Amino acid sequence: MADFCITKVKYSADKSHIQELIVREEIPSKSKIGEERRVDRAFVADLIRLGKARFQTRIWNGKYWTTGADVHLIENEFLTTDRNSRKRDNLENLPTFA
């Protein structure tokens, strides 16, 4: 089970990598997720790399949040749900924000 879920992403101007994310805390005792927090990609990568927190994606389907895939790191830098070792951020199924 994840500690946080990622619900939106913001890419760099050239769309080469994720700059920021919207994350929400998982609240298992209440079977819900917390309020939105806007955080830097590097911070999320550090938490995963250090084993301090686990992340997964969540997608709003219009009625409720659906659980997505676990988020992993490639080379301690790139966020991905696909362990294919491509050196790039791979959370393309999530909506973006400005």
N, C-alpha and C. Protein backbone atom coordinates (compact mmCIF):
# COMPACT_ATOMS: atom_id res chain seq x y z
N MET A 1 0.83 -1.18 0.00
CA MET A 1 0.00 0.00 0.00
C MET A 1 0.88 1.24 0.00
N ALA A 2 0.46 2.25 -0.74
CA ALA A 2 1.22 3.48 -0.87
C ALA A 2 0.95 4.42 0.30
N ASP A 3 1.90 5.32 0.54
CA ASP A 3 1.74 6.36 1.53
C ASP A 3 1.08 7.60 0.91
N PHE A 4 1.37 7.82 -0.37
CA PHE A 4 0.85 8.97 -1.09
C PHE A 4 0.44 8.54 -2.49
N CYS A 5 -0.48 9.29 -3.08
CA CYS A 5 -0.82 9.05 -4.47
C CYS A 5 -0.54 10.31 -5.28
N ILE A 6 -0.19 10.12 -6.53
CA ILE A 6 0.07 11.21 -7.46
C ILE A 6 -1.15 11.30 -8.37
N THR A 7 -1.74 12.50 -8.44
CA THR A 7 -2.97 12.66 -9.21
C THR A 7 -2.82 13.56 -10.43
N LYS A 8 -1.80 14.42 -10.46
CA LYS A 8 -1.57 15.31 -11.60
C LYS A 8 -0.07 15.58 -11.72
N VAL A 9 0.35 15.97 -12.91
CA VAL A 9 1.76 16.29 -13.15
C VAL A 9 1.88 17.59 -13.94
N LYS A 10 3.02 18.25 -13.78
CA LYS A 10 3.34 19.44 -14.56
C LYS A 10 4.70 19.20 -15.20
N TYR A 11 4.74 19.27 -16.53
CA TYR A 11 5.98 19.04 -17.27
C TYR A 11 6.75 20.34 -17.48
N SER A 12 8.03 20.21 -17.75
CA SER A 12 8.87 21.36 -18.08
C SER A 12 8.36 21.97 -19.38
N ALA A 13 8.80 23.20 -19.68
CA ALA A 13 8.35 23.91 -20.88
C ALA A 13 8.59 23.11 -22.15
N ASP A 14 9.70 22.38 -22.22
CA ASP A 14 10.01 21.59 -23.41
C ASP A 14 9.44 20.17 -23.34
N LYS A 15 8.64 19.90 -22.30
CA LYS A 15 7.97 18.59 -22.11
C LYS A 15 8.95 17.42 -21.95
N SER A 16 10.20 17.72 -21.56
CA SER A 16 11.20 16.66 -21.46
C SER A 16 11.15 15.92 -20.12
N HIS A 17 10.62 16.57 -19.07
CA HIS A 17 10.57 15.90 -17.78
C HIS A 17 9.51 16.55 -16.89
N ILE A 18 9.13 15.83 -15.86
CA ILE A 18 8.17 16.35 -14.90
C ILE A 18 8.89 17.32 -13.98
N GLN A 19 8.25 18.48 -13.72
CA GLN A 19 8.81 19.45 -12.79
C GLN A 19 8.14 19.35 -11.43
N GLU A 20 6.81 19.28 -11.43
CA GLU A 20 6.05 19.26 -10.19
C GLU A 20 4.93 18.22 -10.28
N LEU A 21 4.42 17.87 -9.11
CA LEU A 21 3.34 16.91 -9.04
C LEU A 21 2.31 17.36 -8.02
N ILE A 22 1.10 16.90 -8.20
CA ILE A 22 0.07 17.03 -7.17
C ILE A 22 0.00 15.67 -6.49
N VAL A 23 0.26 15.67 -5.19
CA VAL A 23 0.19 14.42 -4.42
C VAL A 23 -0.86 14.58 -3.33
N ARG A 24 -1.36 13.45 -2.89
CA ARG A 24 -2.35 13.41 -1.81
C ARG A 24 -1.97 12.26 -0.89
N GLU A 25 -2.13 12.48 0.39
CA GLU A 25 -1.83 11.44 1.37
C GLU A 25 -2.91 10.37 1.34
N GLU A 26 -2.48 9.12 1.40
CA GLU A 26 -3.42 8.00 1.54
C GLU A 26 -3.82 7.93 3.01
N ILE A 27 -5.12 7.85 3.28
CA ILE A 27 -5.62 7.76 4.66
C ILE A 27 -6.39 6.45 4.79
N PRO A 28 -5.67 5.35 5.03
CA PRO A 28 -6.30 4.02 5.04
C PRO A 28 -7.41 3.87 6.07
N SER A 29 -7.25 4.48 7.24
CA SER A 29 -8.26 4.30 8.29
C SER A 29 -9.61 4.88 7.89
N LYS A 30 -9.60 5.84 6.95
CA LYS A 30 -10.85 6.45 6.49
C LYS A 30 -11.17 6.07 5.04
N SER A 31 -10.34 5.22 4.44
CA SER A 31 -10.51 4.79 3.05
C SER A 31 -10.69 5.97 2.11
N LYS A 32 -9.83 6.96 2.26
CA LYS A 32 -9.89 8.13 1.39
C LYS A 32 -8.49 8.70 1.22
N ILE A 33 -8.41 9.78 0.45
CA ILE A 33 -7.14 10.45 0.26
C ILE A 33 -7.26 11.90 0.72
N GLY A 34 -6.11 12.47 1.13
CA GLY A 34 -6.09 13.81 1.69
C GLY A 34 -6.14 14.91 0.65
N GLU A 35 -5.89 16.11 1.12
CA GLU A 35 -5.92 17.31 0.28
C GLU A 35 -4.73 17.35 -0.67
N GLU A 36 -4.88 18.11 -1.75
CA GLU A 36 -3.81 18.26 -2.73
C GLU A 36 -2.61 18.99 -2.13
N ARG A 37 -1.42 18.52 -2.50
CA ARG A 37 -0.17 19.20 -2.17
C ARG A 37 0.66 19.27 -3.44
N ARG A 38 1.15 20.44 -3.74
CA ARG A 38 1.99 20.64 -4.92
C ARG A 38 3.44 20.50 -4.48
N VAL A 39 4.16 19.54 -5.07
CA VAL A 39 5.54 19.27 -4.65
C VAL A 39 6.46 19.13 -5.87
N ASP A 40 7.73 19.33 -5.62
CA ASP A 40 8.75 19.20 -6.66
C ASP A 40 9.04 17.73 -6.95
N ARG A 41 9.29 17.41 -8.21
CA ARG A 41 9.59 16.05 -8.61
C ARG A 41 10.81 15.49 -7.87
N ALA A 42 11.83 16.31 -7.69
CA ALA A 42 13.05 15.84 -7.02
C ALA A 42 12.76 15.41 -5.58
N PHE A 43 11.84 16.09 -4.91
CA PHE A 43 11.48 15.73 -3.55
C PHE A 43 10.83 14.35 -3.51
N VAL A 44 9.91 14.10 -4.42
CA VAL A 44 9.26 12.79 -4.50
C VAL A 44 10.30 11.72 -4.81
N ALA A 45 11.20 12.00 -5.75
CA ALA A 45 12.25 11.04 -6.10
C ALA A 45 13.13 10.74 -4.88
N ASP A 46 13.47 11.76 -4.11
CA ASP A 46 14.28 11.55 -2.90
C ASP A 46 13.56 10.67 -1.89
N LEU A 47 12.28 10.92 -1.67
CA LEU A 47 11.52 10.10 -0.72
C LEU A 47 11.48 8.64 -1.15
N ILE A 48 11.29 8.40 -2.43
CA ILE A 48 11.28 7.02 -2.93
C ILE A 48 12.66 6.39 -2.80
N ARG A 49 13.69 7.12 -3.23
CA ARG A 49 15.07 6.61 -3.19
C ARG A 49 15.50 6.25 -1.77
N LEU A 50 15.13 7.07 -0.80
CA LEU A 50 15.51 6.85 0.59
C LEU A 50 14.60 5.84 1.31
N GLY A 51 13.57 5.37 0.62
CA GLY A 51 12.65 4.42 1.23
C GLY A 51 11.77 5.05 2.29
N LYS A 52 11.57 6.35 2.22
CA LYS A 52 10.77 7.07 3.22
C LYS A 52 9.29 7.08 2.91
N ALA A 53 8.93 6.91 1.63
CA ALA A 53 7.53 6.92 1.25
C ALA A 53 7.32 6.13 -0.03
N ARG A 54 6.13 5.56 -0.16
CA ARG A 54 5.74 4.84 -1.37
C ARG A 54 4.64 5.63 -2.06
N PHE A 55 4.70 5.65 -3.39
CA PHE A 55 3.74 6.41 -4.19
C PHE A 55 3.08 5.50 -5.21
N GLN A 56 1.84 5.84 -5.56
CA GLN A 56 1.14 5.19 -6.66
C GLN A 56 0.27 6.26 -7.33
N THR A 57 -0.16 5.98 -8.53
CA THR A 57 -1.01 6.93 -9.22
C THR A 57 -2.46 6.70 -8.85
N ARG A 58 -3.25 7.75 -8.98
CA ARG A 58 -4.70 7.67 -8.79
C ARG A 58 -5.34 8.53 -9.86
N ILE A 59 -6.45 8.08 -10.40
CA ILE A 59 -7.15 8.82 -11.44
C ILE A 59 -8.61 9.00 -11.05
N TRP A 60 -9.11 10.23 -11.17
CA TRP A 60 -10.51 10.55 -10.88
C TRP A 60 -11.34 10.18 -12.10
N ASN A 61 -12.30 9.31 -11.91
CA ASN A 61 -13.12 8.87 -13.05
C ASN A 61 -14.45 9.62 -13.13
N GLY A 62 -14.59 10.66 -12.34
CA GLY A 62 -15.83 11.44 -12.33
C GLY A 62 -16.73 11.13 -11.15
N LYS A 63 -16.52 9.97 -10.55
CA LYS A 63 -17.31 9.57 -9.39
C LYS A 63 -16.43 9.20 -8.19
N TYR A 64 -15.29 8.58 -8.45
CA TYR A 64 -14.40 8.16 -7.38
C TYR A 64 -12.98 8.01 -7.91
N TRP A 65 -12.03 7.90 -6.99
CA TRP A 65 -10.62 7.73 -7.35
C TRP A 65 -10.34 6.26 -7.63
N THR A 66 -9.72 5.98 -8.77
CA THR A 66 -9.31 4.62 -9.08
C THR A 66 -7.82 4.49 -8.84
N THR A 67 -7.43 3.39 -8.26
CA THR A 67 -6.02 3.15 -7.94
C THR A 67 -5.27 2.77 -9.20
N GLY A 68 -4.12 3.39 -9.38
CA GLY A 68 -3.27 3.11 -10.54
C GLY A 68 -2.09 2.25 -10.16
N ALA A 69 -0.98 2.51 -10.82
CA ALA A 69 0.23 1.70 -10.66
C ALA A 69 1.17 2.30 -9.61
N ASP A 70 2.03 1.45 -9.08
CA ASP A 70 3.09 1.91 -8.19
C ASP A 70 4.09 2.74 -8.97
N VAL A 71 4.65 3.75 -8.32
CA VAL A 71 5.64 4.63 -8.95
C VAL A 71 7.03 4.19 -8.48
N HIS A 72 7.93 4.06 -9.44
CA HIS A 72 9.31 3.62 -9.18
C HIS A 72 10.28 4.67 -9.70
N LEU A 73 11.55 4.45 -9.42
CA LEU A 73 12.61 5.32 -9.92
C LEU A 73 13.49 4.58 -10.90
N ILE A 74 13.98 5.31 -11.89
CA ILE A 74 15.02 4.82 -12.77
C ILE A 74 16.22 5.73 -12.56
N GLU A 75 17.35 5.15 -12.24
CA GLU A 75 18.60 5.88 -11.96
C GLU A 75 18.41 6.94 -10.88
N ASN A 76 17.58 6.64 -9.89
CA ASN A 76 17.34 7.52 -8.74
C ASN A 76 16.86 8.92 -9.12
N GLU A 77 16.32 9.08 -10.31
CA GLU A 77 15.94 10.40 -10.78
C GLU A 77 14.60 10.44 -11.48
N PHE A 78 14.34 9.48 -12.36
CA PHE A 78 13.16 9.52 -13.22
C PHE A 78 12.00 8.75 -12.59
N LEU A 79 10.83 9.39 -12.53
CA LEU A 79 9.63 8.76 -11.99
C LEU A 79 8.93 7.97 -13.09
N THR A 80 8.55 6.75 -12.78
CA THR A 80 7.91 5.91 -13.79
C THR A 80 7.00 4.89 -13.13
N THR A 81 6.00 4.45 -13.87
CA THR A 81 5.19 3.32 -13.43
C THR A 81 5.58 2.07 -14.20
N ASP A 82 6.44 2.25 -15.18
CA ASP A 82 6.86 1.17 -16.06
C ASP A 82 8.35 0.92 -15.85
N ARG A 83 8.70 -0.26 -15.40
CA ARG A 83 10.11 -0.56 -15.11
C ARG A 83 10.87 -1.00 -16.36
N ASN A 84 10.72 -0.24 -17.42
CA ASN A 84 11.38 -0.62 -18.67
C ASN A 84 12.76 0.02 -18.82
N SER A 85 13.20 0.76 -17.79
CA SER A 85 14.53 1.38 -17.75
C SER A 85 14.73 2.52 -18.74
N ARG A 86 13.66 3.03 -19.33
CA ARG A 86 13.82 4.21 -20.18
C ARG A 86 14.13 5.40 -19.29
N LYS A 87 15.14 6.16 -19.66
CA LYS A 87 15.58 7.29 -18.85
C LYS A 87 14.71 8.51 -19.13
N ARG A 88 13.48 8.47 -18.62
CA ARG A 88 12.58 9.61 -18.74
C ARG A 88 11.43 9.41 -17.76
N ASP A 89 10.79 10.50 -17.41
CA ASP A 89 9.62 10.42 -16.56
C ASP A 89 8.47 9.81 -17.35
N ASN A 90 7.74 8.90 -16.73
CA ASN A 90 6.69 8.19 -17.43
C ASN A 90 5.43 8.12 -16.56
N LEU A 91 4.71 9.22 -16.50
CA LEU A 91 3.41 9.23 -15.82
C LEU A 91 2.39 9.87 -16.76
N GLU A 92 2.47 9.51 -18.05
CA GLU A 92 1.69 10.17 -19.09
C GLU A 92 0.19 9.99 -18.97
N ASN A 93 -0.28 9.00 -18.25
CA ASN A 93 -1.73 8.78 -18.13
C ASN A 93 -2.40 9.74 -17.15
N LEU A 94 -1.59 10.49 -16.41
CA LEU A 94 -2.16 11.42 -15.44
C LEU A 94 -2.46 12.76 -16.09
N PRO A 95 -3.50 13.45 -15.60
CA PRO A 95 -3.77 14.79 -16.12
C PRO A 95 -2.65 15.76 -15.74
N THR A 96 -2.55 16.84 -16.50
CA THR A 96 -1.54 17.85 -16.23
C THR A 96 -2.17 19.07 -15.57
N PHE A 97 -1.33 19.90 -14.96
CA PHE A 97 -1.79 21.16 -14.40
C PHE A 97 -0.78 22.24 -14.78
N ALA A 98 -1.21 23.49 -14.68
CA ALA A 98 -0.34 24.62 -15.05
C ALA A 98 0.31 25.23 -13.84
